[in-house]
N, C-alpha and C. Protein backbone atom coordinates (compact mmCIF):
# COMPACT_ATOMS: atom_id res chain seq x y z
N UNK A 1 -14.49 -15.03 10.43
CA UNK A 1 -13.09 -14.65 9.63
C UNK A 1 -13.75 -14.42 8.43
N UNK A 2 -12.93 -13.28 7.95
CA UNK A 2 -13.11 -12.85 6.47
C UNK A 2 -11.87 -13.35 5.64
N UNK A 3 -12.17 -13.95 4.66
CA UNK A 3 -10.88 -14.64 3.52
C UNK A 3 -11.17 -13.64 2.29
N UNK A 4 -10.14 -12.76 2.40
CA UNK A 4 -10.34 -11.92 1.39
C UNK A 4 -9.11 -12.18 0.27
N UNK A 5 -9.34 -11.68 -0.97
CA UNK A 5 -8.48 -11.63 -1.90
C UNK A 5 -8.03 -10.07 -2.90
N UNK A 6 -6.50 -10.43 -2.42
CA UNK A 6 -5.92 -8.74 -2.65
C UNK A 6 -5.72 -9.06 -4.46
N UNK A 7 -5.95 -7.62 -4.93
CA UNK A 7 -5.90 -7.70 -6.21
C UNK A 7 -4.80 -6.58 -6.66
N UNK A 8 -3.92 -6.54 -7.55
CA UNK A 8 -3.04 -5.43 -7.46
C UNK A 8 -2.61 -5.49 -9.10
N UNK A 9 -2.31 -4.50 -9.45
CA UNK A 9 -1.97 -4.27 -10.83
C UNK A 9 -0.60 -3.72 -10.90
N UNK A 10 -0.15 -3.69 -12.49
CA UNK A 10 1.15 -2.95 -12.55
C UNK A 10 1.04 -1.64 -12.12
N UNK A 11 1.98 -1.08 -11.41
CA UNK A 11 1.95 0.47 -11.06
C UNK A 11 1.75 1.27 -12.46
N UNK A 12 1.32 2.65 -12.55
CA UNK A 12 1.27 3.16 -13.63
C UNK A 12 -0.05 2.85 -14.70
N UNK A 13 -0.77 2.02 -14.17
CA UNK A 13 -1.94 1.71 -14.90
C UNK A 13 -3.25 2.10 -14.40
N UNK A 14 -4.12 2.76 -15.12
CA UNK A 14 -5.41 3.35 -14.60
C UNK A 14 -6.19 2.35 -13.74
N UNK A 15 -6.80 2.91 -12.77
CA UNK A 15 -7.94 1.95 -12.19
C UNK A 15 -9.04 1.64 -12.93
N UNK A 16 -9.68 2.47 -13.50
CA UNK A 16 -10.93 2.83 -14.23
C UNK A 16 -10.54 1.82 -15.60
N UNK A 17 -9.46 1.82 -16.22
CA UNK A 17 -8.96 1.12 -17.36
C UNK A 17 -9.23 -0.41 -16.94
N UNK A 18 -8.91 -0.73 -16.04
CA UNK A 18 -8.89 -2.16 -15.67
C UNK A 18 -10.05 -2.62 -14.72
N UNK A 19 -11.07 -1.62 -14.30
CA UNK A 19 -12.31 -1.93 -13.75
C UNK A 19 -12.19 -2.16 -12.30
N UNK A 20 -10.98 -1.53 -11.82
CA UNK A 20 -10.87 -1.42 -9.97
C UNK A 20 -11.13 -0.12 -9.91
N UNK A 21 -11.22 -0.15 -8.20
CA UNK A 21 -11.69 1.10 -7.58
C UNK A 21 -10.54 1.89 -7.06
N UNK A 22 -9.46 1.14 -6.66
CA UNK A 22 -8.28 1.54 -6.36
C UNK A 22 -6.93 1.13 -6.97
N UNK A 23 -6.06 1.48 -6.83
CA UNK A 23 -4.50 0.78 -7.40
C UNK A 23 -4.54 -0.72 -6.77
N UNK A 24 -5.02 -0.84 -5.27
CA UNK A 24 -5.14 -1.97 -4.68
C UNK A 24 -6.30 -2.47 -4.20
N UNK A 25 -6.74 -3.37 -4.76
CA UNK A 25 -8.55 -3.97 -4.44
C UNK A 25 -8.30 -5.24 -3.40
N UNK A 26 -9.00 -5.42 -2.30
CA UNK A 26 -9.14 -6.65 -1.73
C UNK A 26 -10.51 -6.84 -1.54
N UNK A 27 -11.08 -8.03 -1.79
CA UNK A 27 -12.52 -8.35 -2.09
C UNK A 27 -12.69 -9.88 -1.20
N UNK A 28 -13.94 -9.73 -1.03
CA UNK A 28 -14.37 -11.19 -0.04
C UNK A 28 -15.37 -11.51 -1.13
N UNK A 29 -14.96 -12.69 -1.91
CA UNK A 29 -15.94 -12.86 -2.80
C UNK A 29 -15.78 -11.92 -4.05
N UNK A 30 -17.20 -11.33 -4.48
CA UNK A 30 -17.46 -10.15 -5.19
C UNK A 30 -17.50 -8.94 -4.47
N UNK A 31 -17.55 -9.02 -3.19
CA UNK A 31 -17.70 -7.79 -2.32
C UNK A 31 -16.07 -7.05 -2.22
N UNK A 32 -16.16 -5.85 -2.21
CA UNK A 32 -15.02 -5.18 -2.28
C UNK A 32 -14.74 -4.94 -0.55
N UNK A 33 -13.95 -4.95 0.09
CA UNK A 33 -13.76 -4.89 1.66
C UNK A 33 -12.77 -3.66 1.77
N UNK A 34 -11.98 -3.37 0.72
CA UNK A 34 -10.91 -2.54 1.29
C UNK A 34 -10.18 -2.15 -0.20
N UNK A 35 -9.88 -0.98 -0.54
CA UNK A 35 -9.24 -0.36 -1.74
C UNK A 35 -8.31 0.67 -1.30
N UNK A 36 -7.04 0.69 -1.93
CA UNK A 36 -5.77 1.52 -1.42
C UNK A 36 -5.93 2.72 -2.92
N UNK A 37 -5.65 3.73 -2.64
CA UNK A 37 -4.97 4.34 -3.77
C UNK A 37 -3.75 4.71 -2.94
N UNK A 38 -2.53 4.49 -4.10
CA UNK A 38 -0.83 4.58 -3.65
C UNK A 38 -0.28 5.98 -4.16
N UNK A 39 0.02 7.11 -3.70
CA UNK A 39 0.70 8.25 -4.14
C UNK A 39 2.32 8.07 -3.75
N UNK A 40 2.80 8.26 -4.54
CA UNK A 40 4.35 8.58 -4.38
C UNK A 40 5.08 9.97 -3.96
N UNK A 41 3.93 10.64 -3.13
CA UNK A 41 4.38 12.10 -3.13
C UNK A 41 3.66 12.30 -1.73
N UNK A 42 4.01 13.56 -1.00
CA UNK A 42 3.29 14.29 -0.15
C UNK A 42 1.91 14.50 -0.42
N UNK A 43 1.05 14.47 -0.15
CA UNK A 43 -0.40 14.66 -0.67
C UNK A 43 -0.69 15.94 0.30
N UNK A 44 -1.33 16.69 -0.66
CA UNK A 44 -1.69 18.16 -0.30
C UNK A 44 -3.36 18.46 -0.73
N UNK A 45 -3.56 19.55 -0.29
CA UNK A 45 -4.91 19.97 -0.58
C UNK A 45 -5.33 19.71 -2.10
N UNK A 46 -4.44 19.96 -2.95
CA UNK A 46 -4.53 20.15 -4.41
C UNK A 46 -4.73 18.84 -5.06
N UNK A 47 -4.29 17.72 -4.22
CA UNK A 47 -4.75 16.15 -4.71
C UNK A 47 -6.34 15.75 -4.25
N UNK A 48 -7.02 16.46 -3.57
CA UNK A 48 -8.03 15.98 -2.95
C UNK A 48 -8.83 15.96 -4.14
N UNK A 49 -9.00 16.69 -4.99
CA UNK A 49 -10.03 16.55 -6.25
C UNK A 49 -10.00 15.15 -6.96
N UNK A 50 -8.85 14.80 -6.87
CA UNK A 50 -8.10 13.77 -7.90
C UNK A 50 -9.05 12.57 -6.89
N UNK A 51 -9.19 12.61 -5.56
CA UNK A 51 -9.47 11.46 -4.59
C UNK A 51 -11.05 11.26 -4.75
N UNK A 52 -11.60 12.42 -5.17
CA UNK A 52 -13.03 12.32 -4.68
C UNK A 52 -14.10 11.22 -5.24
N UNK A 53 -13.73 10.71 -6.67
CA UNK A 53 -14.43 9.49 -7.24
C UNK A 53 -13.99 8.05 -6.66
N UNK A 54 -12.61 8.57 -5.84
CA UNK A 54 -12.52 7.13 -5.23
C UNK A 54 -13.28 7.17 -3.95
N UNK A 55 -13.23 8.41 -3.11
CA UNK A 55 -14.17 8.39 -2.04
C UNK A 55 -15.55 7.91 -2.06
N UNK A 56 -16.24 8.54 -3.32
CA UNK A 56 -17.52 8.22 -3.72
C UNK A 56 -17.68 6.75 -4.00
N UNK A 57 -16.62 5.95 -4.56
CA UNK A 57 -16.88 4.34 -4.80
C UNK A 57 -16.46 3.38 -3.63
N UNK A 58 -15.78 4.27 -2.56
CA UNK A 58 -15.60 3.68 -1.35
C UNK A 58 -16.94 3.34 -0.64
N UNK A 59 -17.79 4.66 -0.54
CA UNK A 59 -18.89 5.09 0.16
C UNK A 59 -19.86 3.92 -0.60
N UNK A 60 -19.86 3.70 -1.66
CA UNK A 60 -20.99 3.30 -2.53
C UNK A 60 -20.75 1.37 -2.31
N UNK A 61 -19.49 1.13 -2.10
CA UNK A 61 -19.23 -0.04 -1.92
C UNK A 61 -19.02 -0.39 -0.15
N UNK A 62 -19.31 0.33 0.43
CA UNK A 62 -19.23 0.41 1.71
C UNK A 62 -17.86 -0.33 2.42
N UNK A 63 -16.67 -0.08 1.80
CA UNK A 63 -15.51 -0.55 2.06
C UNK A 63 -14.57 0.20 2.67
N UNK A 64 -13.08 -0.06 3.38
CA UNK A 64 -12.25 0.79 3.64
C UNK A 64 -11.67 1.05 2.83
N UNK A 65 -11.51 2.38 2.69
CA UNK A 65 -10.78 3.23 1.73
C UNK A 65 -9.50 3.72 2.28
N UNK A 66 -8.22 3.42 1.78
CA UNK A 66 -7.10 4.07 2.17
C UNK A 66 -6.43 4.57 1.20
N UNK A 67 -5.61 5.79 1.75
CA UNK A 67 -4.76 6.53 0.94
C UNK A 67 -3.47 6.46 1.45
N UNK A 68 -2.68 5.82 0.62
CA UNK A 68 -1.22 5.71 1.11
C UNK A 68 -0.38 6.24 0.39
N UNK A 69 0.40 7.42 1.07
CA UNK A 69 1.45 8.34 0.77
C UNK A 69 2.67 8.27 1.36
N UNK A 70 3.66 8.94 0.80
CA UNK A 70 4.94 9.32 1.60
C UNK A 70 4.51 10.33 2.72
N UNK A 71 3.79 10.97 2.68
CA UNK A 71 3.27 11.91 3.51
C UNK A 71 2.09 12.87 3.58
N UNK A 72 1.31 13.26 4.29
CA UNK A 72 0.26 14.29 4.27
C UNK A 72 0.50 15.58 4.86
N UNK A 73 0.08 16.48 4.08
CA UNK A 73 -0.15 17.88 4.90
C UNK A 73 -1.23 18.01 5.81
N UNK A 74 -1.45 18.37 6.63
CA UNK A 74 -2.33 18.14 8.12
C UNK A 74 -3.95 18.53 7.32
N UNK A 75 -3.78 19.56 6.52
CA UNK A 75 -5.15 20.01 6.28
C UNK A 75 -5.95 18.98 5.09
N UNK A 76 -4.79 18.09 4.37
CA UNK A 76 -5.38 17.12 3.45
C UNK A 76 -5.89 16.10 4.13
N UNK A 77 -4.91 15.77 5.23
CA UNK A 77 -5.12 14.53 6.04
C UNK A 77 -6.84 14.66 6.68
N UNK A 78 -6.74 15.74 7.34
CA UNK A 78 -8.14 15.84 7.83
C UNK A 78 -9.20 15.81 7.05
N UNK A 79 -8.95 16.54 5.64
CA UNK A 79 -10.07 16.36 4.49
C UNK A 79 -10.45 14.97 4.25
N UNK A 80 -9.54 14.29 4.17
CA UNK A 80 -9.73 12.62 3.63
C UNK A 80 -10.44 12.03 4.52
N UNK A 81 -9.86 12.21 5.85
CA UNK A 81 -11.01 11.99 7.05
C UNK A 81 -12.32 12.15 6.84
N UNK A 82 -12.42 13.81 6.76
CA UNK A 82 -13.83 13.78 6.08
C UNK A 82 -14.59 13.32 4.86
N UNK A 83 -13.80 12.83 3.89
CA UNK A 83 -14.23 11.99 2.72
C UNK A 83 -14.41 10.55 3.03
N UNK A 84 -14.42 10.02 4.21
CA UNK A 84 -14.36 8.63 4.61
C UNK A 84 -13.32 7.68 4.33
N UNK A 85 -12.15 8.71 3.98
CA UNK A 85 -11.07 7.57 3.77
C UNK A 85 -9.95 7.65 4.86
N UNK A 86 -9.08 6.86 5.16
CA UNK A 86 -7.85 6.62 5.83
C UNK A 86 -6.86 6.94 5.08
N UNK A 87 -6.05 8.07 5.87
CA UNK A 87 -4.71 8.55 5.41
C UNK A 87 -3.75 7.56 5.89
N UNK A 88 -2.52 6.93 5.16
CA UNK A 88 -1.78 6.33 5.79
C UNK A 88 -0.41 6.73 5.33
N UNK A 89 0.68 7.21 6.12
CA UNK A 89 1.83 7.93 5.56
C UNK A 89 2.64 6.73 5.56
N UNK A 90 4.05 6.67 5.17
CA UNK A 90 4.88 5.92 5.07
C UNK A 90 5.49 5.31 6.42
N UNK A 91 5.59 6.55 7.07
CA UNK A 91 5.85 6.32 8.63
C UNK A 91 4.76 5.56 9.32
N UNK A 92 3.84 5.90 8.96
CA UNK A 92 2.67 4.90 9.60
C UNK A 92 2.83 3.53 9.49
N UNK A 93 3.01 3.28 8.36
CA UNK A 93 3.29 1.89 7.48
C UNK A 93 4.33 1.14 8.12
N UNK A 94 5.67 2.05 8.56
CA UNK A 94 6.83 1.67 9.19
C UNK A 94 6.46 0.87 10.52
N UNK A 95 5.83 1.64 11.11
CA UNK A 95 5.33 1.41 12.33
C UNK A 95 4.84 0.34 12.77
N UNK A 96 3.24 0.24 11.57
CA UNK A 96 2.84 -1.22 11.81
C UNK A 96 3.64 -2.37 11.46
N UNK A 97 4.60 -2.35 10.75
CA UNK A 97 5.14 -3.71 10.33
C UNK A 97 6.15 -3.82 11.27
N UNK A 98 6.58 -2.70 11.90
CA UNK A 98 7.77 -2.78 13.29
C UNK A 98 7.66 -3.82 14.30
N UNK A 99 6.14 -4.25 14.35
CA UNK A 99 5.21 -5.10 15.56
C UNK A 99 5.07 -6.24 14.96
N UNK A 100 5.08 -6.75 13.56
CA UNK A 100 4.98 -7.85 12.94
C UNK A 100 6.03 -9.03 13.52
N UNK A 101 5.42 -10.11 13.52
CA UNK A 101 6.43 -11.09 14.16
C UNK A 101 7.06 -11.43 12.76
N UNK A 102 8.31 -12.20 12.85
CA UNK A 102 9.16 -12.78 11.71
C UNK A 102 8.66 -13.39 10.76
N UNK A 103 7.92 -14.19 11.20
CA UNK A 103 6.81 -14.87 10.13
C UNK A 103 6.10 -13.85 9.00
N UNK A 104 5.14 -13.02 9.94
CA UNK A 104 4.61 -12.47 8.79
C UNK A 104 5.48 -11.31 8.23
N UNK A 105 6.71 -10.85 8.47
CA UNK A 105 7.64 -10.46 7.87
C UNK A 105 8.03 -10.83 6.53
N UNK A 106 8.62 -12.13 6.77
CA UNK A 106 9.13 -13.09 5.79
C UNK A 106 8.10 -13.23 4.58
N UNK A 107 6.56 -13.39 5.15
CA UNK A 107 5.39 -13.68 3.92
C UNK A 107 5.11 -12.37 3.21
N UNK A 108 5.64 -10.95 3.96
CA UNK A 108 5.55 -10.00 3.43
C UNK A 108 6.47 -9.73 2.16
N UNK A 109 7.62 -10.01 2.72
CA UNK A 109 8.95 -9.84 1.67
C UNK A 109 8.97 -10.92 0.46
N UNK A 110 8.24 -11.99 0.93
CA UNK A 110 8.04 -13.08 -0.24
C UNK A 110 7.19 -12.54 -1.31
N UNK A 111 6.12 -11.80 -0.53
CA UNK A 111 5.04 -11.06 -1.46
C UNK A 111 5.46 -9.95 -2.41
N UNK A 112 6.57 -9.39 -1.93
CA UNK A 112 7.16 -8.12 -2.63
C UNK A 112 7.83 -8.59 -3.76
N UNK A 113 8.78 -9.69 -3.37
CA UNK A 113 9.54 -10.33 -4.49
C UNK A 113 8.86 -10.71 -5.27
N UNK A 114 7.56 -11.38 -5.07
CA UNK A 114 6.63 -11.89 -6.34
C UNK A 114 6.25 -11.15 -7.15
N UNK A 115 5.51 -9.95 -6.35
CA UNK A 115 5.35 -8.96 -7.19
C UNK A 115 6.05 -8.23 -8.31
N UNK A 116 7.45 -7.71 -7.51
CA UNK A 116 8.36 -7.01 -8.64
C UNK A 116 8.79 -7.86 -9.61
N UNK A 117 9.26 -9.50 -9.35
CA UNK A 117 9.81 -10.19 -10.35
C UNK A 117 8.49 -10.59 -11.16
N UNK A 118 7.41 -10.91 -10.75
CA UNK A 118 6.52 -11.28 -11.98
C UNK A 118 5.11 -10.51 -12.33
N UNK A 119 4.92 -9.60 -11.75
CA UNK A 119 3.84 -8.51 -11.78
C UNK A 119 4.46 -7.37 -12.70
N UNK A 120 5.51 -6.86 -11.86
CA UNK A 120 6.07 -5.64 -12.61
C UNK A 120 7.36 -6.07 -13.59
N UNK A 121 7.39 -7.47 -13.52
CA UNK A 121 8.43 -7.82 -14.37
C UNK A 121 9.91 -7.05 -14.52
N UNK A 122 10.43 -6.71 -13.37
CA UNK A 122 11.30 -5.96 -13.57
C UNK A 122 12.66 -6.52 -12.93
N UNK A 123 13.31 -7.37 -13.36
CA UNK A 123 14.82 -7.94 -13.00
C UNK A 123 15.59 -6.89 -12.24
N UNK A 124 15.75 -5.85 -12.64
CA UNK A 124 16.87 -4.96 -11.97
C UNK A 124 16.05 -4.45 -10.52
N UNK A 125 14.88 -4.05 -10.66
CA UNK A 125 14.06 -3.78 -9.20
C UNK A 125 14.28 -5.09 -8.41
N UNK A 126 14.37 -6.47 -9.00
CA UNK A 126 14.20 -7.69 -7.97
C UNK A 126 15.34 -7.83 -7.48
N UNK A 127 16.30 -7.19 -8.03
CA UNK A 127 17.76 -7.54 -7.94
C UNK A 127 17.98 -6.54 -6.64
N UNK A 128 17.57 -5.18 -6.66
CA UNK A 128 17.59 -4.24 -6.07
C UNK A 128 16.72 -4.48 -4.34
N UNK A 129 15.84 -5.03 -4.52
CA UNK A 129 15.06 -5.45 -3.54
C UNK A 129 15.87 -6.80 -2.75
N UNK A 130 16.21 -7.63 -3.30
CA UNK A 130 16.89 -8.93 -2.87
C UNK A 130 18.04 -8.15 -2.20
N UNK A 131 19.08 -7.39 -2.69
CA UNK A 131 20.24 -6.76 -1.87
C UNK A 131 19.65 -6.01 -0.78
N UNK A 132 18.57 -4.99 -0.83
CA UNK A 132 18.07 -4.73 0.51
C UNK A 132 17.79 -5.53 1.42
N UNK A 133 16.67 -6.54 0.99
CA UNK A 133 16.73 -7.48 2.25
C UNK A 133 17.68 -8.03 2.92
N UNK A 134 19.05 -8.67 1.96
CA UNK A 134 20.05 -9.16 2.30
C UNK A 134 20.72 -8.19 3.57
N UNK A 135 20.97 -6.80 3.18
CA UNK A 135 21.40 -5.83 3.87
C UNK A 135 20.75 -6.02 5.10
N UNK A 136 19.57 -5.85 5.53
CA UNK A 136 18.74 -5.82 6.50
C UNK A 136 18.75 -6.93 7.12
N UNK A 137 18.86 -8.23 6.77
CA UNK A 137 19.08 -9.43 7.28
C UNK A 137 20.70 -9.34 7.92
N UNK A 138 21.41 -8.87 7.15
CA UNK A 138 22.85 -8.86 7.67
C UNK A 138 23.19 -7.93 8.98
N UNK A 139 22.24 -7.04 8.90
CA UNK A 139 22.56 -5.55 10.06
C UNK A 139 21.57 -6.35 11.18
N UNK A 140 20.40 -7.24 11.10
CA UNK A 140 19.85 -7.75 12.21
C UNK A 140 20.65 -8.96 12.52
N UNK A 141 21.28 -9.34 11.93
CA UNK A 141 22.18 -10.66 12.47
C UNK A 141 23.44 -10.02 13.30
N UNK A 142 23.75 -9.14 13.08
CA UNK A 142 24.99 -8.52 13.66
C UNK A 142 24.30 -7.95 14.99
N UNK A 143 23.13 -7.82 15.03
CA UNK A 143 22.54 -7.21 16.50
C UNK A 143 22.74 -5.92 16.74
N UNK A 144 22.30 -5.11 17.87
CA UNK A 144 21.90 -3.89 18.15
C UNK A 144 23.19 -2.92 18.21
N UNK A 145 23.96 -3.53 18.66
CA UNK A 145 25.75 -3.12 18.53
C UNK A 145 25.99 -2.32 17.14
N UNK A 146 25.55 -3.24 15.84
CA UNK A 146 25.97 -2.40 14.56
C UNK A 146 25.30 -1.50 14.30
N UNK A 147 24.00 -1.05 14.90
CA UNK A 147 23.18 0.18 14.76
C UNK A 147 23.67 1.32 14.79
C-alpha cells in the first residue's frame, strides 16, 4: 500500500514558479505518483499545446497525469489519452464521489473546508461551502421524496 502526500497550492499560482508538476501533486516520499492540472472550462484542441509540458513531465516521472476540467471536446479527450494523460470531467468526478461511503464523503468535505479556509483564506467562500454542505445535508435528511 502506498501512502502518498498530496500537495496543493492556492489556485491561480503557476506550477513552475512553485516547482510543482501540476496544480495538485501527490508524492510517495520524493517520488511523484500523481499530478493533476485543473481547468475551469471545457478543454478543446486549442488547450492541448498548453498541456504538452505537463504531459512530458508526467512521462518523465512515470506518474499518473490527470487533467480535470468541466468537460472535454471528444477530439481533445482522445488527444489527451494519446499524450499519456487521463481526462476527468466534472460529471466523471460526480459519478466517482456518488459511490463513496458516508465517512469518505465527510473526510472529503472536511478537506474542502480546510483548503478553502486555510489555504485559499477566503472566509466568503468558506461560508458559501458551509451553506452548500448544510443544504445538501438537509436535502438528504428529508429523504428521496424531497427530490
